[in-house]
Protein backbone atom coordinates (compact mmCIF):
# COMPACT_ATOMS: atom_id res chain seq x y z
CA MET A 1 119.88 120.87 56.91
CA ASP A 2 116.88 120.46 54.61
CA ARG A 3 113.25 120.23 55.79
CA ALA A 4 112.83 116.49 55.18
CA ASN A 5 116.00 115.69 57.09
CA LYS A 6 115.00 118.04 59.91
CA ALA A 7 111.54 116.44 60.16
CA ARG A 8 113.11 112.95 60.23
CA ILE A 9 115.48 114.00 63.02
CA GLU A 10 112.66 115.57 65.04
CA ILE A 11 110.54 112.41 64.75
CA ALA A 12 113.50 110.30 65.89
CA ILE A 13 114.11 112.65 68.83
CA LEU A 14 110.43 112.51 69.82
CA GLU A 15 110.44 108.71 69.70
CA ARG A 16 113.56 108.50 71.85
CA LEU A 17 112.20 111.02 74.37
CA THR A 18 108.96 109.04 74.55
CA ASN A 19 110.98 105.90 75.30
CA GLY A 20 112.67 107.74 78.18
CA GLU A 21 116.20 107.74 76.83
CA SER A 22 118.85 109.96 78.35
CA HIS A 23 119.15 113.46 76.93
CA ASP A 24 122.93 113.19 76.82
CA ASP A 25 122.76 109.97 74.78
CA ILE A 26 120.38 111.56 72.28
CA ILE A 27 122.57 114.66 71.96
CA LEU A 28 125.69 112.52 71.54
CA ASP A 29 124.03 110.51 68.76
CA LEU A 30 122.94 113.73 67.04
CA CYS A 31 126.49 115.04 67.19
CA GLU A 32 127.97 111.82 65.83
CA ASN A 33 125.38 110.88 63.20
CA GLU A 34 124.13 114.27 62.03
CA ASN A 35 127.39 116.24 62.34
CA MET A 36 125.85 118.74 64.77
CA ARG A 37 127.67 120.66 67.47
CA TRP A 38 126.67 119.92 71.06
CA PRO A 39 124.92 123.28 71.74
CA GLU A 40 123.02 123.00 68.46
CA ALA A 41 121.90 119.44 69.21
CA GLU A 42 121.00 120.37 72.77
CA ALA A 43 118.88 123.32 71.57
CA LEU A 44 117.09 121.09 69.05
CA LEU A 45 116.38 118.47 71.73
CA GLU A 46 115.04 121.09 74.15
CA ARG A 47 112.84 122.65 71.46
CA VAL A 48 111.34 119.30 70.40
CA GLY A 49 110.86 118.32 74.06
CA ALA A 50 109.11 121.59 74.88
CA GLU A 51 106.87 121.51 71.79
CA LYS A 52 105.83 117.88 72.27
CA MET A 53 105.82 117.76 76.09
CA HIS A 54 102.15 116.76 76.34
CA HIS A 55 102.59 113.99 73.77
CA ILE A 56 105.61 112.61 75.65
CA ILE A 57 103.82 112.66 79.01
CA LEU A 58 100.74 110.89 77.63
CA ALA A 59 102.82 108.25 75.87
CA GLN A 60 104.67 107.44 79.10
CA SER A 61 101.66 107.43 81.43
CA PRO A 62 99.13 104.61 80.79
CA LEU A 63 100.32 102.49 83.71
CA LEU A 64 100.69 105.56 85.92
CA ILE A 65 97.09 106.54 85.27
CA LEU A 66 95.83 103.11 86.35
CA ILE A 67 97.96 103.14 89.51
CA ALA A 68 96.92 106.69 90.40
CA LEU A 69 93.26 105.84 89.80
CA ALA A 70 93.54 102.78 92.08
CA ILE A 71 95.17 104.88 94.82
CA PHE A 72 92.55 107.61 94.40
CA LEU A 73 89.64 105.16 94.61
CA GLY A 74 91.23 103.42 97.60
CA GLY A 75 91.55 106.78 99.33
CA VAL A 76 87.93 107.61 98.58
CA GLY A 77 86.88 104.21 99.94
CA LEU A 78 88.86 104.63 103.17
CA THR A 79 87.56 108.15 103.67
CA VAL A 80 83.92 107.14 103.09
CA TYR A 81 84.25 104.09 105.36
CA SER A 82 85.78 106.00 108.24
CA THR A 83 83.44 108.98 107.83
CA TYR A 84 80.44 106.66 107.84
CA ASN A 85 81.61 104.94 111.03
CA ILE A 86 82.47 108.21 112.78
CA THR A 87 79.03 109.54 111.84
CA SER A 88 77.29 106.39 113.10
CA VAL A 89 79.11 106.69 116.45
CA PHE A 90 78.06 110.33 116.63
CA LEU A 91 74.44 109.47 115.88
CA SER A 92 74.39 106.65 118.45
CA TYR A 93 75.56 109.05 121.18
CA TYR A 94 73.55 112.03 119.99
CA ASP A 95 70.74 112.75 122.34
CA THR A 96 69.13 116.15 122.60
CA LYS A 97 68.06 115.57 126.20
CA SER A 98 71.49 114.75 127.64
CA GLY A 99 73.31 117.66 125.95
CA GLY A 100 77.03 117.65 126.76
CA ILE A 101 77.11 114.17 128.33
CA GLY A 102 76.25 112.54 125.00
CA ALA A 103 78.90 114.56 123.19
CA LEU A 104 81.48 113.69 125.84
CA GLY A 105 80.58 110.01 125.58
CA MET A 106 80.94 110.14 121.81
CA VAL A 107 84.36 111.81 122.00
CA LEU A 108 85.57 109.34 124.63
CA HIS A 109 84.31 106.39 122.59
CA LEU A 110 85.92 107.65 119.36
CA PHE A 111 89.29 108.29 120.99
CA THR A 112 89.22 105.07 123.01
CA TYR A 113 87.92 102.59 120.46
CA GLY A 114 87.86 104.49 117.20
CA ASP A 115 91.42 105.74 116.83
CA TYR A 116 91.82 103.61 113.73
CA LEU A 117 88.88 105.49 112.18
CA TRP A 118 90.74 108.78 112.44
CA PHE A 119 93.85 107.12 111.05
CA LEU A 120 91.89 105.70 108.10
CA ALA A 121 90.23 109.05 107.44
CA PHE A 122 93.55 110.90 107.28
CA LEU A 123 95.19 108.09 105.31
CA GLY A 124 92.35 108.20 102.77
CA LEU A 125 92.62 111.97 102.43
CA GLY A 126 96.37 111.68 102.00
CA MET A 127 95.93 109.06 99.29
CA ILE A 128 93.45 111.27 97.43
CA ILE A 129 95.64 114.38 97.62
CA GLY A 130 98.82 112.46 96.80
CA SER A 131 97.24 110.81 93.77
CA LEU A 132 95.98 114.11 92.40
CA LYS A 133 99.24 115.98 93.10
CA GLY A 134 101.45 113.22 91.71
CA MET A 135 99.51 113.09 88.47
CA GLU A 136 99.23 116.85 88.04
CA GLU A 137 101.29 116.95 84.82
CA VAL A 138 99.47 113.96 83.35
CA TRP A 139 96.05 115.48 84.04
CA ALA A 140 97.25 118.75 82.49
CA ALA A 141 98.39 116.84 79.38
CA ILE A 142 95.08 114.98 79.15
CA PHE A 143 93.08 118.22 79.50
CA HIS A 144 95.34 119.87 76.92
CA LYS A 145 94.75 117.03 74.46
CA LEU A 146 90.98 117.22 75.03
CA GLY A 147 91.11 120.98 74.47
CA ILE A 148 89.86 121.85 77.96
CA ILE A 149 92.94 123.90 78.85
CA GLN A 150 95.67 125.28 76.66
C-alpha cells in the first residue's frame, strides 16, 4: 500500500471513529474495499484510534461538556445554598455564654427542620464529583490539546 493510499485510509478511519461507528463495521469495510486481512485491518484501526484518541474524544464531546458544566454548576449552587443555610443556623444558635446548650439546640434544629439541607449538601457534592469523574477523559483531552499535560 502506497503512502497516499494509506493516508486516505487513515483519514477515512478517523472520520468514521469520530462519528462513532462500530469497529467491526469499519474493519469489515477495510477488508472488503481495501483487500486487507482482518488482523491487519484491526491493527490499523487500533493504531489510528490510539494515535488520534484525543481528537476523537474532543470531536464527540461538545454536548457532553455543556451537560457536565450544567451539572457541575448546579452542584456548586446546591452546595453553596445548603452550606450557607447550615452556617446561618449555626450562627443563630451560637452563643458563647450558653456553651453546650446552644450547640445542642443547633443540632436539634438542623436534624429536625434542616434535614433537606444535609440532603442538598451531599447531593451537590455528588453532582460535582460525578461531573468531574464522568468527564475525566474529556478534560484530559482538552488539557492535552492545550499543551498543559502530555
